[in-house]
Amino acid sequence: MLVTTTPNIEGKKIIKYIGLVNGEAIIGANIVKDFLSGIRDVVGGRSGAYEQALREAKSIAIREMMDQAQRLGANAVIGVDIDMETIGGTMLMVSANGTAVCYE
């Protein structure tokens, strides 16, 4: 399935707009990751644990969005927007939203 942030698919004709699809993922970061991340923040550097958790949440949200689009009969999702937030300081939330379409 084609997934794009653009509002159209260059060189292809969208023949049907099915509607909004979305996927969400909320992942908790454990206390060890929090502690190690805090140390990295003090001494500098990147927090690999949080980066990996964020990548995982993003992948889950996009996969859920694609699955929903496929169940509706779409072969692409256009105009995809990905939002990331923290909840309560220890939870990572990622949502992916787009428009399910059929193209030829």
PDB file of N, CA and C in Angstrom:
ATOM      1  N   MET A   1       0.846  -1.179   0.000  1.00  0.00           N
ATOM      2  CA  MET A   1       0.000   0.000   0.000  1.00  0.00           C
ATOM      3  C   MET A   1       0.887   1.236   0.000  1.00  0.00           C
ATOM      4  N   LEU A   2       0.532   2.171  -0.841  1.00  0.00           N
ATOM      5  CA  LEU A   2       1.269   3.432  -0.935  1.00  0.00           C
ATOM      6  C   LEU A   2       0.802   4.374   0.177  1.00  0.00           C
ATOM      7  N   VAL A   3       1.763   4.957   0.878  1.00  0.00           N
ATOM      8  CA  VAL A   3       1.471   5.922   1.931  1.00  0.00           C
ATOM      9  C   VAL A   3       2.324   7.148   1.661  1.00  0.00           C
ATOM     10  N   THR A   4       1.675   8.313   1.583  1.00  0.00           N
ATOM     11  CA  THR A   4       2.400   9.531   1.256  1.00  0.00           C
ATOM     12  C   THR A   4       1.867  10.725   2.040  1.00  0.00           C
ATOM     13  N   THR A   5       2.745  11.684   2.293  1.00  0.00           N
ATOM     14  CA  THR A   5       2.321  12.904   2.976  1.00  0.00           C
ATOM     15  C   THR A   5       1.750  13.929   2.003  1.00  0.00           C
ATOM     16  N   THR A   6       1.904  13.675   0.721  1.00  0.00           N
ATOM     17  CA  THR A   6       1.411  14.615  -0.291  1.00  0.00           C
ATOM     18  C   THR A   6      -0.096  14.438  -0.503  1.00  0.00           C
ATOM     19  N   PRO A   7      -0.771  15.468  -1.024  1.00  0.00           N
ATOM     20  CA  PRO A   7      -2.217  15.380  -1.221  1.00  0.00           C
ATOM     21  C   PRO A   7      -2.619  14.663  -2.508  1.00  0.00           C
ATOM     22  N   ASN A   8      -1.643  14.238  -3.282  1.00  0.00           N
ATOM     23  CA  ASN A   8      -1.940  13.508  -4.513  1.00  0.00           C
ATOM     24  C   ASN A   8      -0.809  12.533  -4.793  1.00  0.00           C
ATOM     25  N   ILE A   9      -0.980  11.741  -5.841  1.00  0.00           N
ATOM     26  CA  ILE A   9       0.034  10.775  -6.238  1.00  0.00           C
ATOM     27  C   ILE A   9       0.463  11.142  -7.652  1.00  0.00           C
ATOM     28  N   GLU A  10       1.650  11.689  -7.762  1.00  0.00           N
ATOM     29  CA  GLU A  10       2.120  12.181  -9.050  1.00  0.00           C
ATOM     30  C   GLU A  10       2.105  11.069 -10.098  1.00  0.00           C
ATOM     31  N   GLY A  11       1.519  11.383 -11.234  1.00  0.00           N
ATOM     32  CA  GLY A  11       1.453  10.436 -12.342  1.00  0.00           C
ATOM     33  C   GLY A  11       0.347   9.409 -12.227  1.00  0.00           C
ATOM     34  N   LYS A  12      -0.443   9.473 -11.168  1.00  0.00           N
ATOM     35  CA  LYS A  12      -1.549   8.528 -10.968  1.00  0.00           C
ATOM     36  C   LYS A  12      -2.852   9.295 -10.822  1.00  0.00           C
ATOM     37  N   LYS A  13      -3.948   8.630 -11.155  1.00  0.00           N
ATOM     38  CA  LYS A  13      -5.264   9.254 -11.044  1.00  0.00           C
ATOM     39  C   LYS A  13      -5.997   8.644  -9.850  1.00  0.00           C
ATOM     40  N   ILE A  14      -6.403   9.520  -8.928  1.00  0.00           N
ATOM     41  CA  ILE A  14      -7.209   9.050  -7.800  1.00  0.00           C
ATOM     42  C   ILE A  14      -8.636   8.909  -8.295  1.00  0.00           C
ATOM     43  N   ILE A  15      -9.159   7.698  -8.186  1.00  0.00           N
ATOM     44  CA  ILE A  15     -10.498   7.434  -8.720  1.00  0.00           C
ATOM     45  C   ILE A  15     -11.583   7.404  -7.641  1.00  0.00           C
ATOM     46  N   LYS A  16     -11.152   7.294  -6.365  1.00  0.00           N
ATOM     47  CA  LYS A  16     -12.141   7.258  -5.290  1.00  0.00           C
ATOM     48  C   LYS A  16     -11.508   7.726  -3.984  1.00  0.00           C
ATOM     49  N   TYR A  17     -12.167   8.667  -3.322  1.00  0.00           N
ATOM     50  CA  TYR A  17     -11.774   9.101  -1.988  1.00  0.00           C
ATOM     51  C   TYR A  17     -12.657   8.353  -0.997  1.00  0.00           C
ATOM     52  N   ILE A  18     -12.056   7.531  -0.177  1.00  0.00           N
ATOM     53  CA  ILE A  18     -12.823   6.702   0.754  1.00  0.00           C
ATOM     54  C   ILE A  18     -13.083   7.431   2.064  1.00  0.00           C
ATOM     55  N   GLY A  19     -12.085   8.116   2.581  1.00  0.00           N
ATOM     56  CA  GLY A  19     -12.288   8.873   3.811  1.00  0.00           C
ATOM     57  C   GLY A  19     -11.096   8.820   4.750  1.00  0.00           C
ATOM     58  N   LEU A  20     -11.261   9.448   5.889  1.00  0.00           N
ATOM     59  CA  LEU A  20     -10.211   9.568   6.887  1.00  0.00           C
ATOM     60  C   LEU A  20      -9.922   8.208   7.534  1.00  0.00           C
ATOM     61  N   VAL A  21      -8.647   7.912   7.672  1.00  0.00           N
ATOM     62  CA  VAL A  21      -8.206   6.728   8.404  1.00  0.00           C
ATOM     63  C   VAL A  21      -7.149   7.169   9.410  1.00  0.00           C
ATOM     64  N   ASN A  22      -7.032   6.408  10.484  1.00  0.00           N
ATOM     65  CA  ASN A  22      -6.048   6.777  11.493  1.00  0.00           C
ATOM     66  C   ASN A  22      -5.525   5.552  12.231  1.00  0.00           C
ATOM     67  N   GLY A  23      -4.444   5.759  12.911  1.00  0.00           N
ATOM     68  CA  GLY A  23      -3.860   4.736  13.762  1.00  0.00           C
ATOM     69  C   GLY A  23      -3.184   5.428  14.927  1.00  0.00           C
ATOM     70  N   GLU A  24      -3.222   4.778  16.065  1.00  0.00           N
ATOM     71  CA  GLU A  24      -2.601   5.343  17.260  1.00  0.00           C
ATOM     72  C   GLU A  24      -1.758   4.293  17.947  1.00  0.00           C
ATOM     73  N   ALA A  25      -0.755   4.777  18.670  1.00  0.00           N
ATOM     74  CA  ALA A  25       0.062   3.906  19.509  1.00  0.00           C
ATOM     75  C   ALA A  25       0.474   4.687  20.738  1.00  0.00           C
ATOM     76  N   ILE A  26       0.326   4.040  21.888  1.00  0.00           N
ATOM     77  CA  ILE A  26       0.792   4.634  23.138  1.00  0.00           C
ATOM     78  C   ILE A  26       1.732   3.618  23.769  1.00  0.00           C
ATOM     79  N   ILE A  27       2.944   4.060  24.012  1.00  0.00           N
ATOM     80  CA  ILE A  27       3.956   3.167  24.551  1.00  0.00           C
ATOM     81  C   ILE A  27       4.524   3.784  25.817  1.00  0.00           C
ATOM     82  N   GLY A  28       4.590   2.995  26.867  1.00  0.00           N
ATOM     83  CA  GLY A  28       5.163   3.458  28.124  1.00  0.00           C
ATOM     84  C   GLY A  28       6.667   3.292  28.117  1.00  0.00           C
ATOM     85  N   ALA A  29       7.358   4.267  28.634  1.00  0.00           N
ATOM     86  CA  ALA A  29       8.806   4.187  28.793  1.00  0.00           C
ATOM     87  C   ALA A  29       9.078   3.785  30.236  1.00  0.00           C
ATOM     88  N   ASN A  30       9.881   2.726  30.420  1.00  0.00           N
ATOM     89  CA  ASN A  30      10.077   2.246  31.788  1.00  0.00           C
ATOM     90  C   ASN A  30      11.049   3.110  32.577  1.00  0.00           C
ATOM     91  N   ILE A  31      11.115   2.851  33.854  1.00  0.00           N
ATOM     92  CA  ILE A  31      11.898   3.698  34.756  1.00  0.00           C
ATOM     93  C   ILE A  31      13.398   3.636  34.460  1.00  0.00           C
ATOM     94  N   VAL A  32      13.906   2.486  33.986  1.00  0.00           N
ATOM     95  CA  VAL A  32      15.330   2.385  33.645  1.00  0.00           C
ATOM     96  C   VAL A  32      15.646   3.293  32.466  1.00  0.00           C
ATOM     97  N   LYS A  33      14.787   3.263  31.442  1.00  0.00           N
ATOM     98  CA  LYS A  33      14.979   4.153  30.300  1.00  0.00           C
ATOM     99  C   LYS A  33      14.924   5.610  30.748  1.00  0.00           C
ATOM    100  N   ASP A  34      13.961   5.934  31.641  1.00  0.00           N
ATOM    101  CA  ASP A  34      13.840   7.305  32.146  1.00  0.00           C
ATOM    102  C   ASP A  34      15.122   7.731  32.853  1.00  0.00           C
ATOM    103  N   PHE A  35      15.644   6.852  33.697  1.00  0.00           N
ATOM    104  CA  PHE A  35      16.852   7.179  34.453  1.00  0.00           C
ATOM    105  C   PHE A  35      18.042   7.386  33.523  1.00  0.00           C
ATOM    106  N   LEU A  36      18.248   6.446  32.603  1.00  0.00           N
ATOM    107  CA  LEU A  36      19.372   6.563  31.672  1.00  0.00           C
ATOM    108  C   LEU A  36      19.220   7.781  30.764  1.00  0.00           C
ATOM    109  N   SER A  37      17.993   8.071  30.364  1.00  0.00           N
ATOM    110  CA  SER A  37      17.750   9.250  29.539  1.00  0.00           C
ATOM    111  C   SER A  37      18.094  10.516  30.309  1.00  0.00           C
ATOM    112  N   GLY A  38      17.750  10.547  31.586  1.00  0.00           N
ATOM    113  CA  GLY A  38      18.068  11.699  32.412  1.00  0.00           C
ATOM    114  C   GLY A  38      19.561  11.926  32.522  1.00  0.00           C
ATOM    115  N   ILE A  39      20.328  10.852  32.636  1.00  0.00           N
ATOM    116  CA  ILE A  39      21.786  10.967  32.687  1.00  0.00           C
ATOM    117  C   ILE A  39      22.312  11.534  31.371  1.00  0.00           C
ATOM    118  N   ARG A  40      21.813  11.037  30.259  1.00  0.00           N
ATOM    119  CA  ARG A  40      22.249  11.531  28.949  1.00  0.00           C
ATOM    120  C   ARG A  40      21.911  13.009  28.783  1.00  0.00           C
ATOM    121  N   ASP A  41      20.729  13.398  29.299  1.00  0.00           N
ATOM    122  CA  ASP A  41      20.335  14.803  29.198  1.00  0.00           C
ATOM    123  C   ASP A  41      21.306  15.704  29.963  1.00  0.00           C
ATOM    124  N   VAL A  42      21.810  15.228  31.101  1.00  0.00           N
ATOM    125  CA  VAL A  42      22.733  16.013  31.918  1.00  0.00           C
ATOM    126  C   VAL A  42      24.099  16.110  31.248  1.00  0.00           C
ATOM    127  N   VAL A  43      24.608  14.976  30.740  1.00  0.00           N
ATOM    128  CA  VAL A  43      25.949  14.969  30.163  1.00  0.00           C
ATOM    129  C   VAL A  43      25.948  15.213  28.656  1.00  0.00           C
ATOM    130  N   GLY A  44      24.782  15.278  28.067  1.00  0.00           N
ATOM    131  CA  GLY A  44      24.675  15.502  26.614  1.00  0.00           C
ATOM    132  C   GLY A  44      24.526  14.202  25.864  1.00  0.00           C
ATOM    133  N   GLY A  45      24.157  14.301  24.631  1.00  0.00           N
ATOM    134  CA  GLY A  45      23.990  13.111  23.809  1.00  0.00           C
ATOM    135  C   GLY A  45      22.532  12.806  23.539  1.00  0.00           C
ATOM    136  N   ARG A  46      22.349  11.732  22.805  1.00  0.00           N
ATOM    137  CA  ARG A  46      21.006  11.333  22.407  1.00  0.00           C
ATOM    138  C   ARG A  46      20.514  10.191  23.286  1.00  0.00           C
ATOM    139  N   SER A  47      19.205  10.114  23.440  1.00  0.00           N
ATOM    140  CA  SER A  47      18.595   9.043  24.213  1.00  0.00           C
ATOM    141  C   SER A  47      18.120   7.951  23.258  1.00  0.00           C
ATOM    142  N   GLY A  48      18.962   6.955  23.067  1.00  0.00           N
ATOM    143  CA  GLY A  48      18.636   5.859  22.151  1.00  0.00           C
ATOM    144  C   GLY A  48      17.394   5.101  22.552  1.00  0.00           C
ATOM    145  N   ALA A  49      17.160   4.947  23.861  1.00  0.00           N
ATOM    146  CA  ALA A  49      15.981   4.210  24.329  1.00  0.00           C
ATOM    147  C   ALA A  49      14.706   4.925  23.905  1.00  0.00           C
ATOM    148  N   TYR A  50      14.665   6.237  24.080  1.00  0.00           N
ATOM    149  CA  TYR A  50      13.477   6.987  23.682  1.00  0.00           C
ATOM    150  C   TYR A  50      13.335   7.051  22.171  1.00  0.00           C
ATOM    151  N   GLU A  51      14.441   7.181  21.466  1.00  0.00           N
ATOM    152  CA  GLU A  51      14.375   7.209  20.000  1.00  0.00           C
ATOM    153  C   GLU A  51      13.805   5.900  19.477  1.00  0.00           C
ATOM    154  N   GLN A  52      14.230   4.774  20.043  1.00  0.00           N
ATOM    155  CA  GLN A  52      13.722   3.476  19.608  1.00  0.00           C
ATOM    156  C   GLN A  52      12.236   3.341  19.942  1.00  0.00           C
ATOM    157  N   ALA A  53      11.825   3.775  21.120  1.00  0.00           N
ATOM    158  CA  ALA A  53      10.417   3.707  21.504  1.00  0.00           C
ATOM    159  C   ALA A  53       9.564   4.560  20.569  1.00  0.00           C
ATOM    160  N   LEU A  54      10.071   5.728  20.200  1.00  0.00           N
ATOM    161  CA  LEU A  54       9.349   6.612  19.294  1.00  0.00           C
ATOM    162  C   LEU A  54       9.222   5.993  17.904  1.00  0.00           C
ATOM    163  N   ARG A  55      10.300   5.387  17.410  1.00  0.00           N
ATOM    164  CA  ARG A  55      10.248   4.709  16.105  1.00  0.00           C
ATOM    165  C   ARG A  55       9.241   3.564  16.126  1.00  0.00           C
ATOM    166  N   GLU A  56       9.237   2.812  17.225  1.00  0.00           N
ATOM    167  CA  GLU A  56       8.307   1.693  17.351  1.00  0.00           C
ATOM    168  C   GLU A  56       6.858   2.175  17.361  1.00  0.00           C
ATOM    169  N   ALA A  57       6.582   3.220  18.130  1.00  0.00           N
ATOM    170  CA  ALA A  57       5.225   3.766  18.199  1.00  0.00           C
ATOM    171  C   ALA A  57       4.789   4.301  16.837  1.00  0.00           C
ATOM    172  N   LYS A  58       5.687   4.973  16.131  1.00  0.00           N
ATOM    173  CA  LYS A  58       5.375   5.502  14.801  1.00  0.00           C
ATOM    174  C   LYS A  58       5.037   4.372  13.845  1.00  0.00           C
ATOM    175  N   SER A  59       5.824   3.318  13.884  1.00  0.00           N
ATOM    176  CA  SER A  59       5.588   2.162  13.012  1.00  0.00           C
ATOM    177  C   SER A  59       4.233   1.519  13.293  1.00  0.00           C
ATOM    178  N   ILE A  60       3.890   1.370  14.560  1.00  0.00           N
ATOM    179  CA  ILE A  60       2.597   0.784  14.937  1.00  0.00           C
ATOM    180  C   ILE A  60       1.448   1.657  14.447  1.00  0.00           C
ATOM    181  N   ALA A  61       1.540   2.964  14.659  1.00  0.00           N
ATOM    182  CA  ALA A  61       0.466   3.878  14.255  1.00  0.00           C
ATOM    183  C   ALA A  61       0.258   3.852  12.740  1.00  0.00           C
ATOM    184  N   ILE A  62       1.350   3.868  11.988  1.00  0.00           N
ATOM    185  CA  ILE A  62       1.242   3.836  10.524  1.00  0.00           C
ATOM    186  C   ILE A  62       0.663   2.501  10.061  1.00  0.00           C
ATOM    187  N   ARG A  63       1.113   1.409  10.671  1.00  0.00           N
ATOM    188  CA  ARG A  63       0.601   0.088  10.297  1.00  0.00           C
ATOM    189  C   ARG A  63      -0.901  -0.011  10.570  1.00  0.00           C
ATOM    190  N   GLU A  64      -1.351   0.500  11.734  1.00  0.00           N
ATOM    191  CA  GLU A  64      -2.789   0.487  12.038  1.00  0.00           C
ATOM    192  C   GLU A  64      -3.582   1.307  11.033  1.00  0.00           C
ATOM    193  N   MET A  65      -3.047   2.469  10.648  1.00  0.00           N
ATOM    194  CA  MET A  65      -3.708   3.321   9.669  1.00  0.00           C
ATOM    195  C   MET A  65      -3.820   2.590   8.325  1.00  0.00           C
ATOM    196  N   MET A  66      -2.749   1.951   7.903  1.00  0.00           N
ATOM    197  CA  MET A  66      -2.751   1.208   6.645  1.00  0.00           C
ATOM    198  C   MET A  66      -3.732   0.039   6.687  1.00  0.00           C
ATOM    199  N   ASP A  67      -3.780  -0.673   7.806  1.00  0.00           N
ATOM    200  CA  ASP A  67      -4.718  -1.795   7.953  1.00  0.00           C
ATOM    201  C   ASP A  67      -6.161  -1.321   7.843  1.00  0.00           C
ATOM    202  N   GLN A  68      -6.458  -0.181   8.467  1.00  0.00           N
ATOM    203  CA  GLN A  68      -7.810   0.364   8.385  1.00  0.00           C
ATOM    204  C   GLN A  68      -8.142   0.735   6.943  1.00  0.00           C
ATOM    205  N   ALA A  69      -7.216   1.359   6.255  1.00  0.00           N
ATOM    206  CA  ALA A  69      -7.440   1.739   4.856  1.00  0.00           C
ATOM    207  C   ALA A  69      -7.669   0.507   3.984  1.00  0.00           C
ATOM    208  N   GLN A  70      -6.888  -0.525   4.210  1.00  0.00           N
ATOM    209  CA  GLN A  70      -7.026  -1.754   3.422  1.00  0.00           C
ATOM    210  C   GLN A  70      -8.392  -2.407   3.667  1.00  0.00           C
ATOM    211  N   ARG A  71      -8.837  -2.423   4.928  1.00  0.00           N
ATOM    212  CA  ARG A  71     -10.161  -2.987   5.232  1.00  0.00           C
ATOM    213  C   ARG A  71     -11.276  -2.223   4.526  1.00  0.00           C
ATOM    214  N   LEU A  72     -11.050  -0.928   4.280  1.00  0.00           N
ATOM    215  CA  LEU A  72     -12.055  -0.110   3.587  1.00  0.00           C
ATOM    216  C   LEU A  72     -11.954  -0.219   2.070  1.00  0.00           C
ATOM    217  N   GLY A  73     -10.963  -0.961   1.573  1.00  0.00           N
ATOM    218  CA  GLY A  73     -10.816  -1.169   0.135  1.00  0.00           C
ATOM    219  C   GLY A  73      -9.869  -0.205  -0.555  1.00  0.00           C
ATOM    220  N   ALA A  74      -9.105   0.563   0.197  1.00  0.00           N
ATOM    221  CA  ALA A  74      -8.168   1.524  -0.398  1.00  0.00           C
ATOM    222  C   ALA A  74      -6.878   0.834  -0.819  1.00  0.00           C
ATOM    223  N   ASN A  75      -6.178   1.461  -1.767  1.00  0.00           N
ATOM    224  CA  ASN A  75      -4.848   0.973  -2.123  1.00  0.00           C
ATOM    225  C   ASN A  75      -3.770   2.026  -1.868  1.00  0.00           C
ATOM    226  N   ALA A  76      -4.179   3.141  -1.214  1.00  0.00           N
ATOM    227  CA  ALA A  76      -3.211   4.179  -0.838  1.00  0.00           C
ATOM    228  C   ALA A  76      -3.798   5.048   0.264  1.00  0.00           C
ATOM    229  N   VAL A  77      -2.893   5.713   0.981  1.00  0.00           N
ATOM    230  CA  VAL A  77      -3.289   6.719   1.964  1.00  0.00           C
ATOM    231  C   VAL A  77      -2.483   7.973   1.638  1.00  0.00           C
ATOM    232  N   ILE A  78      -3.200   9.064   1.410  1.00  0.00           N
ATOM    233  CA  ILE A  78      -2.532  10.319   1.044  1.00  0.00           C
ATOM    234  C   ILE A  78      -2.700  11.346   2.163  1.00  0.00           C
ATOM    235  N   GLY A  79      -1.905  12.419   2.098  1.00  0.00           N
ATOM    236  CA  GLY A  79      -2.016  13.506   3.068  1.00  0.00           C
ATOM    237  C   GLY A  79      -1.743  13.073   4.498  1.00  0.00           C
ATOM    238  N   VAL A  80      -0.833  12.133   4.673  1.00  0.00           N
ATOM    239  CA  VAL A  80      -0.571  11.584   6.004  1.00  0.00           C
ATOM    240  C   VAL A  80       0.101  12.621   6.900  1.00  0.00           C
ATOM    241  N   ASP A  81      -0.401  12.699   8.121  1.00  0.00           N
ATOM    242  CA  ASP A  81       0.153  13.587   9.152  1.00  0.00           C
ATOM    243  C   ASP A  81       0.443  12.721  10.373  1.00  0.00           C
ATOM    244  N   ILE A  82       1.639  12.860  10.927  1.00  0.00           N
ATOM    245  CA  ILE A  82       2.027  12.104  12.107  1.00  0.00           C
ATOM    246  C   ILE A  82       2.263  13.081  13.252  1.00  0.00           C
ATOM    247  N   ASP A  83       1.578  12.858  14.359  1.00  0.00           N
ATOM    248  CA  ASP A  83       1.717  13.692  15.549  1.00  0.00           C
ATOM    249  C   ASP A  83       2.279  12.861  16.684  1.00  0.00           C
ATOM    250  N   MET A  84       3.163  13.473  17.478  1.00  0.00           N
ATOM    251  CA  MET A  84       3.776  12.796  18.616  1.00  0.00           C
ATOM    252  C   MET A  84       3.619  13.663  19.848  1.00  0.00           C
ATOM    253  N   GLU A  85       3.285  13.009  20.971  1.00  0.00           N
ATOM    254  CA  GLU A  85       3.122  13.726  22.233  1.00  0.00           C
ATOM    255  C   GLU A  85       3.551  12.836  23.383  1.00  0.00           C
ATOM    256  N   THR A  86       3.833  13.455  24.510  1.00  0.00           N
ATOM    257  CA  THR A  86       4.052  12.694  25.729  1.00  0.00           C
ATOM    258  C   THR A  86       2.821  12.841  26.603  1.00  0.00           C
ATOM    259  N   ILE A  87       2.514  11.786  27.326  1.00  0.00           N
ATOM    260  CA  ILE A  87       1.366  11.791  28.227  1.00  0.00           C
ATOM    261  C   ILE A  87       1.886  11.462  29.617  1.00  0.00           C
ATOM    262  N   GLY A  88       1.661  12.339  30.540  1.00  0.00           N
ATOM    263  CA  GLY A  88       2.066  12.095  31.911  1.00  0.00           C
ATOM    264  C   GLY A  88       3.561  11.979  32.118  1.00  0.00           C
ATOM    265  N   GLY A  89       4.343  12.391  31.160  1.00  0.00           N
ATOM    266  CA  GLY A  89       5.788  12.363  31.304  1.00  0.00           C
ATOM    267  C   GLY A  89       6.445  11.024  31.052  1.00  0.00           C
ATOM    268  N   THR A  90       5.676   9.928  31.040  1.00  0.00           N
ATOM    269  CA  THR A  90       6.288   8.607  30.844  1.00  0.00           C
ATOM    270  C   THR A  90       5.677   7.818  29.699  1.00  0.00           C
ATOM    271  N   MET A  91       4.643   8.339  29.083  1.00  0.00           N
ATOM    272  CA  MET A  91       3.994   7.631  27.972  1.00  0.00           C
ATOM    273  C   MET A  91       4.235   8.412  26.687  1.00  0.00           C
ATOM    274  N   LEU A  92       4.506   7.686  25.610  1.00  0.00           N
ATOM    275  CA  LEU A  92       4.682   8.288  24.297  1.00  0.00           C
ATOM    276  C   LEU A  92       3.464   7.942  23.449  1.00  0.00           C
ATOM    277  N   MET A  93       2.839   8.959  22.855  1.00  0.00           N
ATOM    278  CA  MET A  93       1.689   8.723  21.992  1.00  0.00           C
ATOM    279  C   MET A  93       2.002   9.222  20.594  1.00  0.00           C
ATOM    280  N   VAL A  94       1.732   8.369  19.617  1.00  0.00           N
ATOM    281  CA  VAL A  94       1.909   8.734  18.216  1.00  0.00           C
ATOM    282  C   VAL A  94       0.595   8.457  17.503  1.00  0.00           C
ATOM    283  N   SER A  95       0.133   9.422  16.722  1.00  0.00           N
ATOM    284  CA  SER A  95      -1.062   9.206  15.904  1.00  0.00           C
ATOM    285  C   SER A  95      -0.719   9.504  14.450  1.00  0.00           C
ATOM    286  N   ALA A  96      -1.252   8.685  13.573  1.00  0.00           N
ATOM    287  CA  ALA A  96      -1.065   8.846  12.141  1.00  0.00           C
ATOM    288  C   ALA A  96      -2.452   8.982  11.514  1.00  0.00           C
ATOM    289  N   ASN A  97      -2.663  10.027  10.704  1.00  0.00           N
ATOM    290  CA  ASN A  97      -3.953  10.285  10.076  1.00  0.00           C
ATOM    291  C   ASN A  97      -3.740  10.575   8.595  1.00  0.00           C
ATOM    292  N   GLY A  98      -4.662  10.117   7.777  1.00  0.00           N
ATOM    293  CA  GLY A  98      -4.578  10.378   6.355  1.00  0.00           C
ATOM    294  C   GLY A  98      -5.900  10.092   5.679  1.00  0.00           C
ATOM    295  N   THR A  99      -5.918  10.257   4.363  1.00  0.00           N
ATOM    296  CA  THR A  99      -7.114   9.996   3.572  1.00  0.00           C
ATOM    297  C   THR A  99      -6.915   8.735   2.745  1.00  0.00           C
ATOM    298  N   ALA A 100      -7.792   7.766   2.955  1.00  0.00           N
ATOM    299  CA  ALA A 100      -7.743   6.526   2.198  1.00  0.00           C
ATOM    300  C   ALA A 100      -8.323   6.776   0.807  1.00  0.00           C
ATOM    301  N   VAL A 101      -7.615   6.307  -0.214  1.00  0.00           N
ATOM    302  CA  VAL A 101      -8.057   6.496  -1.604  1.00  0.00           C
ATOM    303  C   VAL A 101      -7.796   5.246  -2.416  1.00  0.00           C
ATOM    304  N   CYS A 102      -8.438   5.213  -3.589  1.00  0.00           N
ATOM    305  CA  CYS A 102      -8.124   4.212  -4.606  1.00  0.00           C
ATOM    306  C   CYS A 102      -7.565   4.966  -5.798  1.00  0.00           C
ATOM    307  N   TYR A 103      -6.482   4.469  -6.359  1.00  0.00           N
ATOM    308  CA  TYR A 103      -5.883   5.109  -7.525  1.00  0.00           C
ATOM    309  C   TYR A 103      -5.626   4.049  -8.591  1.00  0.00           C
ATOM    310  N   GLU A 104      -5.449   4.541  -9.801  1.00  0.00           N
ATOM    311  CA  GLU A 104      -5.109   3.626 -10.908  1.00  0.00           C
ATOM    312  C   GLU A 104      -3.910   4.152 -11.671  1.00  0.00           C
TER     313      GLU A 104
END
